[in-house]
PDB file of N, CA and C in Angstrom:
ATOM      1  N   MET A   1      15.108  -7.771  13.456  1.00  0.00           N
ATOM      2  CA  MET A   1      13.945  -7.021  13.399  1.00  0.00           C
ATOM      3  C   MET A   1      12.854  -7.652  12.543  1.00  0.00           C
ATOM      4  N   GLN A   2      11.668  -7.813  13.163  1.00  0.00           N
ATOM      5  CA  GLN A   2      10.512  -8.458  12.311  1.00  0.00           C
ATOM      6  C   GLN A   2       9.607  -7.348  11.946  1.00  0.00           C
ATOM      7  N   LEU A   3       9.088  -7.304  10.811  1.00  0.00           N
ATOM      8  CA  LEU A   3       7.988  -6.316  10.336  1.00  0.00           C
ATOM      9  C   LEU A   3       6.638  -7.024  10.455  1.00  0.00           C
ATOM     10  N   VAL A   4       5.703  -6.324  11.077  1.00  0.00           N
ATOM     11  CA  VAL A   4       4.342  -6.693  11.144  1.00  0.00           C
ATOM     12  C   VAL A   4       3.546  -5.556  10.493  1.00  0.00           C
ATOM     13  N   ILE A   5       2.779  -5.890   9.396  1.00  0.00           N
ATOM     14  CA  ILE A   5       2.021  -4.926   8.642  1.00  0.00           C
ATOM     15  C   ILE A   5       0.472  -5.132   8.960  1.00  0.00           C
ATOM     16  N   ALA A   6      -0.193  -4.203   9.536  1.00  0.00           N
ATOM     17  CA  ALA A   6      -1.599  -4.347   9.845  1.00  0.00           C
ATOM     18  C   ALA A   6      -2.441  -3.681   8.784  1.00  0.00           C
ATOM     19  N   GLU A   7      -3.689  -4.114   8.792  1.00  0.00           N
ATOM     20  CA  GLU A   7      -4.605  -3.504   7.716  1.00  0.00           C
ATOM     21  C   GLU A   7      -4.826  -2.059   7.955  1.00  0.00           C
ATOM     22  N   LYS A   8      -4.945  -1.628   9.175  1.00  0.00           N
ATOM     23  CA  LYS A   8      -5.257  -0.189   9.593  1.00  0.00           C
ATOM     24  C   LYS A   8      -4.536   0.031  10.858  1.00  0.00           C
ATOM     25  N   ALA A   9      -4.491   1.509  11.207  1.00  0.00           N
ATOM     26  CA  ALA A   9      -3.669   1.883  12.365  1.00  0.00           C
ATOM     27  C   ALA A   9      -4.265   1.287  13.712  1.00  0.00           C
ATOM     28  N   SER A  10      -5.513   1.169  13.855  1.00  0.00           N
ATOM     29  CA  SER A  10      -6.009   0.720  15.109  1.00  0.00           C
ATOM     30  C   SER A  10      -5.522  -0.737  15.358  1.00  0.00           C
ATOM     31  N   VAL A  11      -5.489  -1.509  14.298  1.00  0.00           N
ATOM     32  CA  VAL A  11      -5.046  -2.959  14.446  1.00  0.00           C
ATOM     33  C   VAL A  11      -3.558  -2.856  14.785  1.00  0.00           C
ATOM     34  N   GLY A  12      -2.851  -1.972  14.181  1.00  0.00           N
ATOM     35  CA  GLY A  12      -1.431  -1.816  14.330  1.00  0.00           C
ATOM     36  C   GLY A  12      -1.096  -1.476  15.809  1.00  0.00           C
ATOM     37  N   PHE A  13      -1.821  -0.598  16.252  1.00  0.00           N
ATOM     38  CA  PHE A  13      -1.637  -0.151  17.716  1.00  0.00           C
ATOM     39  C   PHE A  13      -1.964  -1.347  18.667  1.00  0.00           C
ATOM     40  N   ALA A  14      -2.938  -2.177  18.448  1.00  0.00           N
ATOM     41  CA  ALA A  14      -3.338  -3.160  19.187  1.00  0.00           C
ATOM     42  C   ALA A  14      -2.196  -4.263  19.167  1.00  0.00           C
ATOM     43  N   LEU A  15      -1.654  -4.603  17.965  1.00  0.00           N
ATOM     44  CA  LEU A  15      -0.632  -5.478  17.789  1.00  0.00           C
ATOM     45  C   LEU A  15       0.624  -5.033  18.578  1.00  0.00           C
ATOM     46  N   ALA A  16       0.923  -3.766  18.380  1.00  0.00           N
ATOM     47  CA  ALA A  16       2.105  -3.174  19.068  1.00  0.00           C
ATOM     48  C   ALA A  16       2.089  -3.320  20.644  1.00  0.00           C
ATOM     49  N   LYS A  17       0.806  -3.045  21.123  1.00  0.00           N
ATOM     50  CA  LYS A  17       0.563  -3.212  22.553  1.00  0.00           C
ATOM     51  C   LYS A  17       0.920  -4.697  23.017  1.00  0.00           C
ATOM     52  N   ALA A  18       0.184  -5.607  22.175  1.00  0.00           N
ATOM     53  CA  ALA A  18       0.493  -6.970  22.551  1.00  0.00           C
ATOM     54  C   ALA A  18       1.908  -7.478  22.507  1.00  0.00           C
ATOM     55  N   LEU A  19       2.732  -6.874  21.523  1.00  0.00           N
ATOM     56  CA  LEU A  19       4.131  -7.265  21.429  1.00  0.00           C
ATOM     57  C   LEU A  19       5.045  -6.490  22.278  1.00  0.00           C
ATOM     58  N   GLY A  20       4.556  -5.453  22.908  1.00  0.00           N
ATOM     59  CA  GLY A  20       5.378  -4.678  23.797  1.00  0.00           C
ATOM     60  C   GLY A  20       6.287  -3.610  23.055  1.00  0.00           C
ATOM     61  N   VAL A  21       5.717  -3.197  21.845  1.00  0.00           N
ATOM     62  CA  VAL A  21       6.333  -2.292  21.076  1.00  0.00           C
ATOM     63  C   VAL A  21       5.779  -0.799  21.344  1.00  0.00           C
ATOM     64  N   THR A  22       6.733   0.070  21.787  1.00  0.00           N
ATOM     65  CA  THR A  22       6.238   1.324  22.313  1.00  0.00           C
ATOM     66  C   THR A  22       6.816   2.617  21.629  1.00  0.00           C
ATOM     67  N   GLU A  23       7.855   2.497  20.894  1.00  0.00           N
ATOM     68  CA  GLU A  23       8.555   3.656  20.374  1.00  0.00           C
ATOM     69  C   GLU A  23       7.768   4.189  19.083  1.00  0.00           C
ATOM     70  N   LYS A  24       7.029   5.306  19.271  1.00  0.00           N
ATOM     71  CA  LYS A  24       6.228   5.751  18.075  1.00  0.00           C
ATOM     72  C   LYS A  24       7.170   6.397  17.150  1.00  0.00           C
ATOM     73  N   LYS A  25       6.902   6.159  15.827  1.00  0.00           N
ATOM     74  CA  LYS A  25       7.709   6.823  14.746  1.00  0.00           C
ATOM     75  C   LYS A  25       6.728   7.553  13.893  1.00  0.00           C
ATOM     76  N   ASP A  26       7.143   7.975  12.677  1.00  0.00           N
ATOM     77  CA  ASP A  26       6.332   8.615  11.642  1.00  0.00           C
ATOM     78  C   ASP A  26       5.614   7.498  10.773  1.00  0.00           C
ATOM     79  N   GLY A  27       4.406   7.062  11.293  1.00  0.00           N
ATOM     80  CA  GLY A  27       3.631   6.124  10.476  1.00  0.00           C
ATOM     81  C   GLY A  27       3.864   4.603  10.992  1.00  0.00           C
ATOM     82  N   TYR A  28       4.687   4.368  11.895  1.00  0.00           N
ATOM     83  CA  TYR A  28       4.895   3.078  12.479  1.00  0.00           C
ATOM     84  C   TYR A  28       5.333   3.133  13.974  1.00  0.00           C
ATOM     85  N   ILE A  29       5.445   1.930  14.572  1.00  0.00           N
ATOM     86  CA  ILE A  29       5.888   1.890  15.943  1.00  0.00           C
ATOM     87  C   ILE A  29       7.103   0.763  15.968  1.00  0.00           C
ATOM     88  N   GLU A  30       8.062   1.084  16.672  1.00  0.00           N
ATOM     89  CA  GLU A  30       9.255   0.264  16.621  1.00  0.00           C
ATOM     90  C   GLU A  30       9.650  -0.098  18.078  1.00  0.00           C
ATOM     91  N   GLY A  31      10.244  -1.310  18.284  1.00  0.00           N
ATOM     92  CA  GLY A  31      10.797  -1.640  19.559  1.00  0.00           C
ATOM     93  C   GLY A  31      10.778  -3.078  19.846  1.00  0.00           C
ATOM     94  N   ASN A  32      11.494  -3.615  20.773  1.00  0.00           N
ATOM     95  CA  ASN A  32      11.270  -5.012  21.302  1.00  0.00           C
ATOM     96  C   ASN A  32      11.584  -5.932  20.080  1.00  0.00           C
ATOM     97  N   GLY A  33      12.360  -5.530  19.083  1.00  0.00           N
ATOM     98  CA  GLY A  33      12.620  -6.458  17.982  1.00  0.00           C
ATOM     99  C   GLY A  33      11.590  -6.477  16.882  1.00  0.00           C
ATOM    100  N   TYR A  34      10.721  -5.592  16.986  1.00  0.00           N
ATOM    101  CA  TYR A  34       9.570  -5.411  15.932  1.00  0.00           C
ATOM    102  C   TYR A  34       9.505  -4.031  15.340  1.00  0.00           C
ATOM    103  N   ILE A  35       8.924  -3.924  14.089  1.00  0.00           N
ATOM    104  CA  ILE A  35       8.437  -2.751  13.465  1.00  0.00           C
ATOM    105  C   ILE A  35       6.972  -3.078  13.190  1.00  0.00           C
ATOM    106  N   VAL A  36       6.132  -2.328  13.852  1.00  0.00           N
ATOM    107  CA  VAL A  36       4.657  -2.560  13.505  1.00  0.00           C
ATOM    108  C   VAL A  36       4.227  -1.373  12.684  1.00  0.00           C
ATOM    109  N   SER A  37       3.658  -1.681  11.568  1.00  0.00           N
ATOM    110  CA  SER A  37       3.209  -0.670  10.719  1.00  0.00           C
ATOM    111  C   SER A  37       1.830  -1.007  10.103  1.00  0.00           C
ATOM    112  N   TRP A  38       1.170  -0.067   9.423  1.00  0.00           N
ATOM    113  CA  TRP A  38      -0.167  -0.364   8.929  1.00  0.00           C
ATOM    114  C   TRP A  38      -0.342   0.390   7.528  1.00  0.00           C
ATOM    115  N   CYS A  39      -1.361  -0.012   6.864  1.00  0.00           N
ATOM    116  CA  CYS A  39      -1.695   0.586   5.636  1.00  0.00           C
ATOM    117  C   CYS A  39      -2.877   1.613   5.928  1.00  0.00           C
ATOM    118  N   VAL A  40      -3.020   2.463   4.935  1.00  0.00           N
ATOM    119  CA  VAL A  40      -4.124   3.502   5.097  1.00  0.00           C
ATOM    120  C   VAL A  40      -4.949   3.560   3.914  1.00  0.00           C
ATOM    121  N   GLY A  41      -6.199   2.950   3.942  1.00  0.00           N
ATOM    122  CA  GLY A  41      -6.969   2.966   2.808  1.00  0.00           C
ATOM    123  C   GLY A  41      -6.369   2.178   1.648  1.00  0.00           C
ATOM    124  N   HIS A  42      -6.618   2.652   0.387  1.00  0.00           N
ATOM    125  CA  HIS A  42      -6.060   2.059  -0.734  1.00  0.00           C
ATOM    126  C   HIS A  42      -4.744   2.689  -1.124  1.00  0.00           C
ATOM    127  N   LEU A  43      -3.596   2.147  -0.785  1.00  0.00           N
ATOM    128  CA  LEU A  43      -2.215   2.706  -1.082  1.00  0.00           C
ATOM    129  C   LEU A  43      -1.973   2.653  -2.553  1.00  0.00           C
ATOM    130  N   VAL A  44      -2.352   1.648  -3.191  1.00  0.00           N
ATOM    131  CA  VAL A  44      -1.994   1.371  -4.553  1.00  0.00           C
ATOM    132  C   VAL A  44      -3.235   0.908  -5.291  1.00  0.00           C
ATOM    133  N   SER A  45      -3.428   1.308  -6.605  1.00  0.00           N
ATOM    134  CA  SER A  45      -4.450   0.886  -7.371  1.00  0.00           C
ATOM    135  C   SER A  45      -3.923   0.497  -8.771  1.00  0.00           C
ATOM    136  N   LEU A  46      -4.719  -0.128  -9.436  1.00  0.00           N
ATOM    137  CA  LEU A  46      -4.276  -0.579 -10.846  1.00  0.00           C
ATOM    138  C   LEU A  46      -4.575   0.709 -11.793  1.00  0.00           C
ATOM    139  N   ALA A  47      -3.768   0.914 -12.767  1.00  0.00           N
ATOM    140  CA  ALA A  47      -3.903   1.964 -13.741  1.00  0.00           C
ATOM    141  C   ALA A  47      -5.112   1.739 -14.496  1.00  0.00           C
ATOM    142  N   ASN A  48      -5.721   2.863 -15.032  1.00  0.00           N
ATOM    143  CA  ASN A  48      -6.814   2.753 -15.909  1.00  0.00           C
ATOM    144  C   ASN A  48      -6.313   2.239 -17.200  1.00  0.00           C
ATOM    145  N   ALA A  49      -7.306   1.651 -17.911  1.00  0.00           N
ATOM    146  CA  ALA A  49      -6.913   1.029 -19.237  1.00  0.00           C
ATOM    147  C   ALA A  49      -6.398   1.986 -20.214  1.00  0.00           C
ATOM    148  N   ASP A  50      -6.867   3.253 -20.152  1.00  0.00           N
ATOM    149  CA  ASP A  50      -6.340   4.263 -21.067  1.00  0.00           C
ATOM    150  C   ASP A  50      -4.803   4.725 -20.885  1.00  0.00           C
ATOM    151  N   MET A  51      -4.343   4.348 -19.643  1.00  0.00           N
ATOM    152  CA  MET A  51      -2.925   4.529 -19.521  1.00  0.00           C
ATOM    153  C   MET A  51      -1.984   3.664 -20.129  1.00  0.00           C
ATOM    154  N   TYR A  52      -2.599   2.577 -20.607  1.00  0.00           N
ATOM    155  CA  TYR A  52      -1.869   1.589 -21.364  1.00  0.00           C
ATOM    156  C   TYR A  52      -1.931   1.951 -22.959  1.00  0.00           C
ATOM    157  N   ASP A  53      -3.070   2.315 -23.346  1.00  0.00           N
ATOM    158  CA  ASP A  53      -3.230   2.726 -24.689  1.00  0.00           C
ATOM    159  C   ASP A  53      -4.406   3.802 -24.821  1.00  0.00           C
ATOM    160  N   GLU A  54      -4.239   4.814 -25.654  1.00  0.00           N
ATOM    161  CA  GLU A  54      -5.214   5.807 -25.774  1.00  0.00           C
ATOM    162  C   GLU A  54      -6.444   5.367 -26.308  1.00  0.00           C
ATOM    163  N   LYS A  55      -6.391   4.241 -27.027  1.00  0.00           N
ATOM    164  CA  LYS A  55      -7.686   3.721 -27.639  1.00  0.00           C
ATOM    165  C   LYS A  55      -8.707   3.268 -26.668  1.00  0.00           C
ATOM    166  N   PHE A  56      -8.254   2.964 -25.513  1.00  0.00           N
ATOM    167  CA  PHE A  56      -9.139   2.524 -24.357  1.00  0.00           C
ATOM    168  C   PHE A  56      -9.863   3.573 -23.586  1.00  0.00           C
ATOM    169  N   LYS A  57      -9.596   4.869 -24.042  1.00  0.00           N
ATOM    170  CA  LYS A  57     -10.328   5.887 -23.453  1.00  0.00           C
ATOM    171  C   LYS A  57     -11.888   5.709 -23.806  1.00  0.00           C
ATOM    172  N   LYS A  58     -12.156   5.251 -24.970  1.00  0.00           N
ATOM    173  CA  LYS A  58     -13.455   4.911 -25.324  1.00  0.00           C
ATOM    174  C   LYS A  58     -13.628   3.397 -25.377  1.00  0.00           C
ATOM    175  N   TRP A  59     -14.622   2.897 -24.583  1.00  0.00           N
ATOM    176  CA  TRP A  59     -14.667   1.418 -24.436  1.00  0.00           C
ATOM    177  C   TRP A  59     -15.323   0.845 -25.763  1.00  0.00           C
ATOM    178  N   ASP A  60     -14.723  -0.296 -26.033  1.00  0.00           N
ATOM    179  CA  ASP A  60     -15.348  -1.063 -27.213  1.00  0.00           C
ATOM    180  C   ASP A  60     -15.219  -2.575 -26.754  1.00  0.00           C
ATOM    181  N   VAL A  61     -16.406  -3.328 -26.737  1.00  0.00           N
ATOM    182  CA  VAL A  61     -16.459  -4.670 -26.305  1.00  0.00           C
ATOM    183  C   VAL A  61     -15.437  -5.490 -27.190  1.00  0.00           C
ATOM    184  N   ALA A  62     -15.149  -5.177 -28.383  1.00  0.00           N
ATOM    185  CA  ALA A  62     -14.100  -5.817 -29.144  1.00  0.00           C
ATOM    186  C   ALA A  62     -12.771  -5.842 -28.603  1.00  0.00           C
ATOM    187  N   ASP A  63     -12.399  -4.833 -27.644  1.00  0.00           N
ATOM    188  CA  ASP A  63     -11.191  -4.749 -27.042  1.00  0.00           C
ATOM    189  C   ASP A  63     -11.034  -5.613 -25.798  1.00  0.00           C
ATOM    190  N   LEU A  64     -12.086  -6.158 -25.323  1.00  0.00           N
ATOM    191  CA  LEU A  64     -12.085  -6.894 -24.127  1.00  0.00           C
ATOM    192  C   LEU A  64     -11.710  -8.473 -24.395  1.00  0.00           C
ATOM    193  N   PRO A  65     -11.008  -8.982 -23.537  1.00  0.00           N
ATOM    194  CA  PRO A  65     -10.528  -8.409 -22.109  1.00  0.00           C
ATOM    195  C   PRO A  65      -9.262  -7.622 -22.325  1.00  0.00           C
ATOM    196  N   ILE A  66      -8.990  -6.653 -21.561  1.00  0.00           N
ATOM    197  CA  ILE A  66      -7.802  -5.798 -21.655  1.00  0.00           C
ATOM    198  C   ILE A  66      -6.944  -6.450 -20.597  1.00  0.00           C
ATOM    199  N   ILE A  67      -5.772  -7.108 -21.164  1.00  0.00           N
ATOM    200  CA  ILE A  67      -4.861  -7.797 -20.266  1.00  0.00           C
ATOM    201  C   ILE A  67      -3.451  -7.273 -20.643  1.00  0.00           C
ATOM    202  N   PRO A  68      -2.906  -6.309 -19.946  1.00  0.00           N
ATOM    203  CA  PRO A  68      -1.571  -5.818 -20.257  1.00  0.00           C
ATOM    204  C   PRO A  68      -0.422  -6.755 -20.097  1.00  0.00           C
ATOM    205  N   ASP A  69       0.600  -6.632 -20.863  1.00  0.00           N
ATOM    206  CA  ASP A  69       1.778  -7.433 -20.703  1.00  0.00           C
ATOM    207  C   ASP A  69       2.428  -7.224 -19.342  1.00  0.00           C
ATOM    208  N   GLU A  70       2.405  -5.964 -18.886  1.00  0.00           N
ATOM    209  CA  GLU A  70       2.907  -5.672 -17.615  1.00  0.00           C
ATOM    210  C   GLU A  70       2.025  -4.704 -16.992  1.00  0.00           C
ATOM    211  N   TRP A  71       1.607  -5.008 -15.653  1.00  0.00           N
ATOM    212  CA  TRP A  71       0.613  -4.222 -15.065  1.00  0.00           C
ATOM    213  C   TRP A  71       1.221  -2.942 -14.456  1.00  0.00           C
ATOM    214  N   GLN A  72       0.533  -1.923 -14.588  1.00  0.00           N
ATOM    215  CA  GLN A  72       1.029  -0.497 -14.016  1.00  0.00           C
ATOM    216  C   GLN A  72       0.076  -0.147 -12.798  1.00  0.00           C
ATOM    217  N   PHE A  73       0.764   0.280 -11.737  1.00  0.00           N
ATOM    218  CA  PHE A  73       0.167   0.591 -10.423  1.00  0.00           C
ATOM    219  C   PHE A  73       0.267   2.074 -10.149  1.00  0.00           C
ATOM    220  N   ILE A  74      -0.703   2.649  -9.579  1.00  0.00           N
ATOM    221  CA  ILE A  74      -0.812   4.087  -9.202  1.00  0.00           C
ATOM    222  C   ILE A  74      -0.679   4.191  -7.621  1.00  0.00           C
ATOM    223  N   ILE A  75       0.207   4.917  -7.193  1.00  0.00           N
ATOM    224  CA  ILE A  75       0.260   5.274  -5.732  1.00  0.00           C
ATOM    225  C   ILE A  75      -0.593   6.412  -5.492  1.00  0.00           C
ATOM    226  N   ALA A  76      -1.502   6.365  -4.649  1.00  0.00           N
ATOM    227  CA  ALA A  76      -2.465   7.467  -4.290  1.00  0.00           C
ATOM    228  C   ALA A  76      -1.664   8.571  -3.743  1.00  0.00           C
ATOM    229  N   GLU A  77      -1.865   9.796  -4.297  1.00  0.00           N
ATOM    230  CA  GLU A  77      -1.046  10.991  -3.855  1.00  0.00           C
ATOM    231  C   GLU A  77      -1.087  11.244  -2.411  1.00  0.00           C
ATOM    232  N   ASP A  78      -2.220  11.151  -1.760  1.00  0.00           N
ATOM    233  CA  ASP A  78      -2.380  11.377  -0.338  1.00  0.00           C
ATOM    234  C   ASP A  78      -1.784  10.225   0.539  1.00  0.00           C
ATOM    235  N   LYS A  79      -1.245   9.161  -0.029  1.00  0.00           N
ATOM    236  CA  LYS A  79      -0.847   8.063   0.677  1.00  0.00           C
ATOM    237  C   LYS A  79       0.658   7.717   0.229  1.00  0.00           C
ATOM    238  N   ASP A  80       1.235   8.615  -0.497  1.00  0.00           N
ATOM    239  CA  ASP A  80       2.610   8.447  -0.978  1.00  0.00           C
ATOM    240  C   ASP A  80       3.673   8.252   0.228  1.00  0.00           C
ATOM    241  N   LYS A  81       3.572   8.948   1.288  1.00  0.00           N
ATOM    242  CA  LYS A  81       4.444   8.872   2.377  1.00  0.00           C
ATOM    243  C   LYS A  81       4.339   7.465   3.062  1.00  0.00           C
ATOM    244  N   GLN A  82       3.161   7.149   3.284  1.00  0.00           N
ATOM    245  CA  GLN A  82       2.871   5.836   3.987  1.00  0.00           C
ATOM    246  C   GLN A  82       3.374   4.705   3.046  1.00  0.00           C
ATOM    247  N   PHE A  83       3.138   4.778   1.701  1.00  0.00           N
ATOM    248  CA  PHE A  83       3.615   3.722   0.856  1.00  0.00           C
ATOM    249  C   PHE A  83       5.156   3.756   0.895  1.00  0.00           C
ATOM    250  N   GLY A  84       5.765   4.907   0.895  1.00  0.00           N
ATOM    251  CA  GLY A  84       7.229   5.006   0.892  1.00  0.00           C
ATOM    252  C   GLY A  84       7.813   4.356   2.145  1.00  0.00           C
ATOM    253  N   ASN A  85       7.144   4.567   3.247  1.00  0.00           N
ATOM    254  CA  ASN A  85       7.661   3.935   4.486  1.00  0.00           C
ATOM    255  C   ASN A  85       7.501   2.441   4.452  1.00  0.00           C
ATOM    256  N   ARG A  86       6.337   1.898   3.958  1.00  0.00           N
ATOM    257  CA  ARG A  86       6.199   0.419   3.795  1.00  0.00           C
ATOM    258  C   ARG A  86       7.231  -0.130   2.831  1.00  0.00           C
ATOM    259  N   HIS A  87       7.567   0.627   1.607  1.00  0.00           N
ATOM    260  CA  HIS A  87       8.383   0.170   0.774  1.00  0.00           C
ATOM    261  C   HIS A  87       9.845   0.039   1.357  1.00  0.00           C
ATOM    262  N   GLU A  88      10.230   0.956   2.062  1.00  0.00           N
ATOM    263  CA  GLU A  88      11.541   1.044   2.761  1.00  0.00           C
ATOM    264  C   GLU A  88      11.716  -0.150   3.833  1.00  0.00           C
ATOM    265  N   GLN A  89      10.593  -0.338   4.570  1.00  0.00           N
ATOM    266  CA  GLN A  89      10.558  -1.356   5.539  1.00  0.00           C
ATOM    267  C   GLN A  89      10.630  -2.769   4.994  1.00  0.00           C
ATOM    268  N   LEU A  90      10.169  -2.960   3.882  1.00  0.00           N
ATOM    269  CA  LEU A  90      10.187  -4.375   3.277  1.00  0.00           C
ATOM    270  C   LEU A  90      11.552  -4.573   2.633  1.00  0.00           C
TER     271      LEU A  90
END
């Protein structure tokens, strides 16, 4: 099974049609040896600086640049299901 991830649903449907993939699932299309899926807007964003340290709630040029040891990511609440599907497929 090969996974194809498109930028948006309309591109995903066009790719699925070209690949002969026809079985619609919840947020993706499967068949003919392929899973064709797509993203929806911004699935993931970087955490705000104050999520790393409370002192960053108030900006100070002396604190710049803010480069965390480990980046934190936020999954958009309204995109959680779509993100979960992509995560499982990968």
